Amino acid sequence: MTTAALAPRTPTWLVATVAGLFGLFYAYAVWAGVGLLIAPSPERTAVGWAVLVFATVFPVIVFAAAFALGYRRRPGAFALILLTGLTLVGVFLLNVLAYALTSGVI
């Protein structure tokens, strides 16, 4: 019976550092969503509320998914997965901002 050689694990401090650095950018997206959410608007509808609440929660969901997909991989691959998630969050945040500015949500 042969045993497969185990790949060396990425040190925990390196995983935490990469996740922490990207986490700051994800946190910025969350705070941008919170800023849109608490901005007063008399014309905000139920759809507007739903979009803005989702804009606040979406970066957390994407970060959790990217972290779960990548924390066992090499640091470079982990960073690329987090960067891919961050670009997805950025595009979504720009779409929400465009919606908010054109529909009078903010």
N, C-alpha and C. Protein backbone atom coordinates (compact mmCIF):
# COMPACT_ATOMS: atom_id res chain seq x y z
N MET A 1 0.84 -1.17 0.00
CA MET A 1 0.00 0.00 0.00
C MET A 1 0.89 1.24 0.00
N THR A 2 0.61 2.16 -0.89
CA THR A 2 1.41 3.37 -0.98
C THR A 2 0.65 4.53 -0.34
N THR A 3 1.41 5.42 0.19
CA THR A 3 0.80 6.63 0.77
C THR A 3 1.21 7.82 -0.08
N ALA A 4 0.26 8.63 -0.34
CA ALA A 4 0.54 9.83 -1.14
C ALA A 4 1.26 10.86 -0.28
N ALA A 5 2.19 11.53 -0.88
CA ALA A 5 2.91 12.57 -0.16
C ALA A 5 1.98 13.76 0.06
N LEU A 6 1.88 14.17 1.29
CA LEU A 6 1.02 15.31 1.61
C LEU A 6 1.74 16.61 1.27
N ALA A 7 1.00 17.49 0.66
CA ALA A 7 1.56 18.80 0.34
C ALA A 7 1.72 19.58 1.65
N PRO A 8 2.77 20.36 1.76
CA PRO A 8 2.95 21.14 2.98
C PRO A 8 1.81 22.15 3.15
N ARG A 9 1.32 22.26 4.37
CA ARG A 9 0.24 23.19 4.65
C ARG A 9 0.75 24.62 4.67
N THR A 10 -0.11 25.52 4.25
CA THR A 10 0.22 26.94 4.33
C THR A 10 0.17 27.36 5.79
N PRO A 11 1.16 28.10 6.27
CA PRO A 11 1.14 28.53 7.67
C PRO A 11 -0.11 29.37 7.97
N THR A 12 -0.62 29.20 9.16
CA THR A 12 -1.83 29.90 9.57
C THR A 12 -1.64 31.41 9.54
N TRP A 13 -0.46 31.88 9.92
CA TRP A 13 -0.23 33.32 9.93
C TRP A 13 -0.31 33.90 8.53
N LEU A 14 0.11 33.13 7.53
CA LEU A 14 0.06 33.62 6.15
C LEU A 14 -1.38 33.66 5.64
N VAL A 15 -2.15 32.64 5.98
CA VAL A 15 -3.57 32.62 5.61
C VAL A 15 -4.28 33.81 6.26
N ALA A 16 -3.99 34.04 7.55
CA ALA A 16 -4.63 35.14 8.27
C ALA A 16 -4.22 36.50 7.71
N THR A 17 -2.97 36.63 7.31
CA THR A 17 -2.50 37.90 6.74
C THR A 17 -3.16 38.19 5.40
N VAL A 18 -3.19 37.21 4.53
CA VAL A 18 -3.81 37.40 3.22
C VAL A 18 -5.30 37.69 3.38
N ALA A 19 -5.97 36.90 4.23
CA ALA A 19 -7.40 37.10 4.45
C ALA A 19 -7.66 38.45 5.11
N GLY A 20 -6.80 38.86 6.03
CA GLY A 20 -6.98 40.15 6.70
C GLY A 20 -6.82 41.32 5.75
N LEU A 21 -5.82 41.24 4.87
CA LEU A 21 -5.62 42.34 3.92
C LEU A 21 -6.80 42.46 2.95
N PHE A 22 -7.26 41.34 2.43
CA PHE A 22 -8.42 41.39 1.55
C PHE A 22 -9.69 41.71 2.34
N GLY A 23 -9.74 41.27 3.59
CA GLY A 23 -10.89 41.56 4.43
C GLY A 23 -11.12 43.04 4.62
N LEU A 24 -10.05 43.82 4.63
CA LEU A 24 -10.20 45.27 4.73
C LEU A 24 -10.95 45.85 3.53
N PHE A 25 -10.65 45.35 2.36
CA PHE A 25 -11.35 45.83 1.16
C PHE A 25 -12.81 45.38 1.15
N TYR A 26 -13.05 44.15 1.59
CA TYR A 26 -14.42 43.68 1.71
C TYR A 26 -15.18 44.51 2.75
N ALA A 27 -14.52 44.85 3.84
CA ALA A 27 -15.16 45.68 4.87
C ALA A 27 -15.50 47.06 4.32
N TYR A 28 -14.66 47.60 3.45
CA TYR A 28 -14.97 48.88 2.82
C TYR A 28 -16.26 48.78 2.01
N ALA A 29 -16.42 47.66 1.30
CA ALA A 29 -17.65 47.45 0.52
C ALA A 29 -18.87 47.34 1.43
N VAL A 30 -18.70 46.69 2.58
CA VAL A 30 -19.81 46.59 3.53
C VAL A 30 -20.18 47.98 4.05
N TRP A 31 -19.18 48.77 4.41
CA TRP A 31 -19.47 50.12 4.93
C TRP A 31 -20.06 51.02 3.86
N ALA A 32 -19.68 50.82 2.61
CA ALA A 32 -20.32 51.58 1.53
C ALA A 32 -21.79 51.22 1.42
N GLY A 33 -22.11 49.94 1.58
CA GLY A 33 -23.51 49.52 1.58
C GLY A 33 -24.26 50.07 2.77
N VAL A 34 -23.62 50.10 3.94
CA VAL A 34 -24.25 50.67 5.14
C VAL A 34 -24.49 52.16 4.94
N GLY A 35 -23.54 52.83 4.32
CA GLY A 35 -23.71 54.26 4.05
C GLY A 35 -24.90 54.54 3.15
N LEU A 36 -25.08 53.71 2.14
CA LEU A 36 -26.25 53.87 1.27
C LEU A 36 -27.53 53.52 2.02
N LEU A 37 -27.44 52.55 2.91
CA LEU A 37 -28.62 52.09 3.63
C LEU A 37 -29.14 53.12 4.62
N ILE A 38 -28.24 53.83 5.28
CA ILE A 38 -28.68 54.79 6.30
C ILE A 38 -28.91 56.19 5.75
N ALA A 39 -28.61 56.40 4.47
CA ALA A 39 -28.87 57.71 3.87
C ALA A 39 -30.38 57.92 3.78
N PRO A 40 -30.86 59.05 4.29
CA PRO A 40 -32.32 59.26 4.28
C PRO A 40 -32.83 59.50 2.85
N SER A 41 -33.98 58.89 2.57
CA SER A 41 -34.61 59.07 1.27
C SER A 41 -36.11 58.85 1.41
N PRO A 42 -36.90 59.87 1.10
CA PRO A 42 -38.35 59.69 1.21
C PRO A 42 -38.93 58.84 0.09
N GLU A 43 -38.17 58.63 -0.98
CA GLU A 43 -38.69 57.91 -2.14
C GLU A 43 -38.27 56.45 -2.17
N ARG A 44 -37.70 55.93 -1.09
CA ARG A 44 -37.22 54.55 -1.07
C ARG A 44 -38.39 53.58 -0.97
N THR A 45 -38.42 52.63 -1.89
CA THR A 45 -39.49 51.63 -1.92
C THR A 45 -39.00 50.35 -1.26
N ALA A 46 -39.87 49.34 -1.25
CA ALA A 46 -39.48 48.05 -0.70
C ALA A 46 -38.35 47.41 -1.52
N VAL A 47 -38.39 47.60 -2.82
CA VAL A 47 -37.32 47.08 -3.67
C VAL A 47 -36.01 47.80 -3.36
N GLY A 48 -36.08 49.10 -3.15
CA GLY A 48 -34.89 49.85 -2.78
C GLY A 48 -34.30 49.38 -1.47
N TRP A 49 -35.15 49.13 -0.48
CA TRP A 49 -34.68 48.60 0.80
C TRP A 49 -34.02 47.24 0.61
N ALA A 50 -34.66 46.38 -0.16
CA ALA A 50 -34.12 45.04 -0.37
C ALA A 50 -32.76 45.08 -1.07
N VAL A 51 -32.63 45.93 -2.07
CA VAL A 51 -31.37 46.05 -2.79
C VAL A 51 -30.27 46.56 -1.88
N LEU A 52 -30.58 47.56 -1.07
CA LEU A 52 -29.56 48.13 -0.20
C LEU A 52 -29.17 47.20 0.95
N VAL A 53 -30.13 46.46 1.47
CA VAL A 53 -29.79 45.47 2.50
C VAL A 53 -28.92 44.37 1.89
N PHE A 54 -29.27 43.93 0.70
CA PHE A 54 -28.45 42.91 0.04
C PHE A 54 -27.07 43.44 -0.30
N ALA A 55 -26.97 44.72 -0.65
CA ALA A 55 -25.67 45.32 -0.94
C ALA A 55 -24.79 45.36 0.31
N THR A 56 -25.40 45.38 1.47
CA THR A 56 -24.64 45.36 2.72
C THR A 56 -24.21 43.94 3.08
N VAL A 57 -25.05 42.96 2.79
CA VAL A 57 -24.77 41.57 3.18
C VAL A 57 -23.93 40.84 2.13
N PHE A 58 -24.04 41.22 0.88
CA PHE A 58 -23.38 40.51 -0.22
C PHE A 58 -21.87 40.40 -0.06
N PRO A 59 -21.13 41.47 0.32
CA PRO A 59 -19.69 41.31 0.48
C PRO A 59 -19.30 40.29 1.55
N VAL A 60 -20.08 40.19 2.61
CA VAL A 60 -19.79 39.22 3.66
C VAL A 60 -19.98 37.80 3.13
N ILE A 61 -21.04 37.59 2.36
CA ILE A 61 -21.30 36.27 1.78
C ILE A 61 -20.19 35.88 0.82
N VAL A 62 -19.77 36.81 -0.03
CA VAL A 62 -18.73 36.51 -1.02
C VAL A 62 -17.39 36.26 -0.32
N PHE A 63 -17.06 37.04 0.70
CA PHE A 63 -15.81 36.81 1.43
C PHE A 63 -15.82 35.44 2.09
N ALA A 64 -16.93 35.07 2.71
CA ALA A 64 -17.02 33.76 3.36
C ALA A 64 -16.87 32.64 2.34
N ALA A 65 -17.51 32.78 1.18
CA ALA A 65 -17.40 31.76 0.14
C ALA A 65 -15.98 31.67 -0.41
N ALA A 66 -15.36 32.82 -0.67
CA ALA A 66 -13.99 32.82 -1.19
C ALA A 66 -13.02 32.26 -0.17
N PHE A 67 -13.23 32.58 1.09
CA PHE A 67 -12.35 32.05 2.13
C PHE A 67 -12.50 30.53 2.23
N ALA A 68 -13.74 30.06 2.18
CA ALA A 68 -13.98 28.62 2.27
C ALA A 68 -13.39 27.87 1.07
N LEU A 69 -13.43 28.50 -0.09
CA LEU A 69 -12.86 27.86 -1.28
C LEU A 69 -11.34 27.87 -1.30
N GLY A 70 -10.72 28.87 -0.70
CA GLY A 70 -9.30 29.04 -0.92
C GLY A 70 -8.35 28.87 0.23
N TYR A 71 -8.83 28.74 1.46
CA TYR A 71 -7.87 28.77 2.57
C TYR A 71 -6.97 27.55 2.63
N ARG A 72 -7.30 26.47 1.97
CA ARG A 72 -6.43 25.29 1.95
C ARG A 72 -5.46 25.29 0.78
N ARG A 73 -5.58 26.26 -0.07
CA ARG A 73 -4.72 26.31 -1.26
C ARG A 73 -3.44 27.09 -0.97
N ARG A 74 -2.60 27.17 -1.96
CA ARG A 74 -1.37 27.96 -1.82
C ARG A 74 -1.73 29.43 -1.64
N PRO A 75 -0.84 30.22 -1.05
CA PRO A 75 -1.17 31.64 -0.79
C PRO A 75 -1.50 32.43 -2.05
N GLY A 76 -0.81 32.15 -3.15
CA GLY A 76 -1.10 32.88 -4.39
C GLY A 76 -2.48 32.56 -4.93
N ALA A 77 -2.85 31.29 -4.90
CA ALA A 77 -4.18 30.90 -5.37
C ALA A 77 -5.25 31.45 -4.43
N PHE A 78 -4.97 31.43 -3.14
CA PHE A 78 -5.90 31.98 -2.16
C PHE A 78 -6.13 33.46 -2.41
N ALA A 79 -5.06 34.19 -2.67
CA ALA A 79 -5.18 35.63 -2.96
C ALA A 79 -5.96 35.86 -4.25
N LEU A 80 -5.74 35.04 -5.26
CA LEU A 80 -6.48 35.20 -6.51
C LEU A 80 -7.97 34.91 -6.33
N ILE A 81 -8.31 33.93 -5.51
CA ILE A 81 -9.72 33.64 -5.25
C ILE A 81 -10.37 34.82 -4.52
N LEU A 82 -9.67 35.36 -3.52
CA LEU A 82 -10.21 36.52 -2.81
C LEU A 82 -10.30 37.74 -3.72
N LEU A 83 -9.34 37.91 -4.62
CA LEU A 83 -9.38 39.02 -5.56
C LEU A 83 -10.54 38.87 -6.54
N THR A 84 -10.80 37.65 -6.97
CA THR A 84 -11.94 37.41 -7.86
C THR A 84 -13.25 37.76 -7.16
N GLY A 85 -13.38 37.34 -5.92
CA GLY A 85 -14.56 37.71 -5.15
C GLY A 85 -14.68 39.20 -4.95
N LEU A 86 -13.57 39.85 -4.73
CA LEU A 86 -13.58 41.30 -4.54
C LEU A 86 -14.00 42.02 -5.81
N THR A 87 -13.59 41.54 -6.96
CA THR A 87 -14.04 42.16 -8.21
C THR A 87 -15.54 41.96 -8.41
N LEU A 88 -16.03 40.79 -8.03
CA LEU A 88 -17.48 40.54 -8.10
C LEU A 88 -18.24 41.51 -7.18
N VAL A 89 -17.72 41.71 -5.99
CA VAL A 89 -18.34 42.66 -5.06
C VAL A 89 -18.27 44.08 -5.61
N GLY A 90 -17.14 44.44 -6.21
CA GLY A 90 -16.99 45.78 -6.77
C GLY A 90 -17.98 46.05 -7.90
N VAL A 91 -18.15 45.09 -8.78
CA VAL A 91 -19.10 45.24 -9.87
C VAL A 91 -20.52 45.36 -9.32
N PHE A 92 -20.85 44.52 -8.34
CA PHE A 92 -22.18 44.58 -7.74
C PHE A 92 -22.40 45.92 -7.05
N LEU A 93 -21.39 46.41 -6.33
CA LEU A 93 -21.52 47.69 -5.64
C LEU A 93 -21.70 48.84 -6.63
N LEU A 94 -21.00 48.81 -7.75
CA LEU A 94 -21.19 49.83 -8.78
C LEU A 94 -22.59 49.77 -9.37
N ASN A 95 -23.11 48.58 -9.57
CA ASN A 95 -24.47 48.44 -10.08
C ASN A 95 -25.49 48.98 -9.08
N VAL A 96 -25.28 48.70 -7.81
CA VAL A 96 -26.19 49.22 -6.78
C VAL A 96 -26.10 50.74 -6.72
N LEU A 97 -24.90 51.27 -6.82
CA LEU A 97 -24.73 52.71 -6.79
C LEU A 97 -25.43 53.36 -7.99
N ALA A 98 -25.29 52.76 -9.17
CA ALA A 98 -25.97 53.29 -10.35
C ALA A 98 -27.49 53.22 -10.17
N TYR A 99 -27.98 52.12 -9.62
CA TYR A 99 -29.41 51.99 -9.36
C TYR A 99 -29.87 53.05 -8.36
N ALA A 100 -29.09 53.23 -7.32
CA ALA A 100 -29.48 54.19 -6.29
C ALA A 100 -29.50 55.62 -6.82
N LEU A 101 -28.55 55.95 -7.66
CA LEU A 101 -28.48 57.32 -8.18
C LEU A 101 -29.56 57.59 -9.23
N THR A 102 -29.91 56.59 -10.01
CA THR A 102 -30.89 56.82 -11.07
C THR A 102 -32.34 56.67 -10.61
N SER A 103 -32.56 55.91 -9.54
CA SER A 103 -33.94 55.69 -9.11
C SER A 103 -34.35 56.54 -7.91
N GLY A 104 -33.45 57.33 -7.40
CA GLY A 104 -33.78 58.19 -6.27
C GLY A 104 -33.79 57.48 -4.93
N VAL A 105 -33.11 56.34 -4.84
CA VAL A 105 -33.05 55.62 -3.57
C VAL A 105 -32.23 56.39 -2.55
N ILE A 106 -31.23 57.12 -3.02
CA ILE A 106 -30.46 57.95 -2.09
C ILE A 106 -30.65 59.41 -2.45
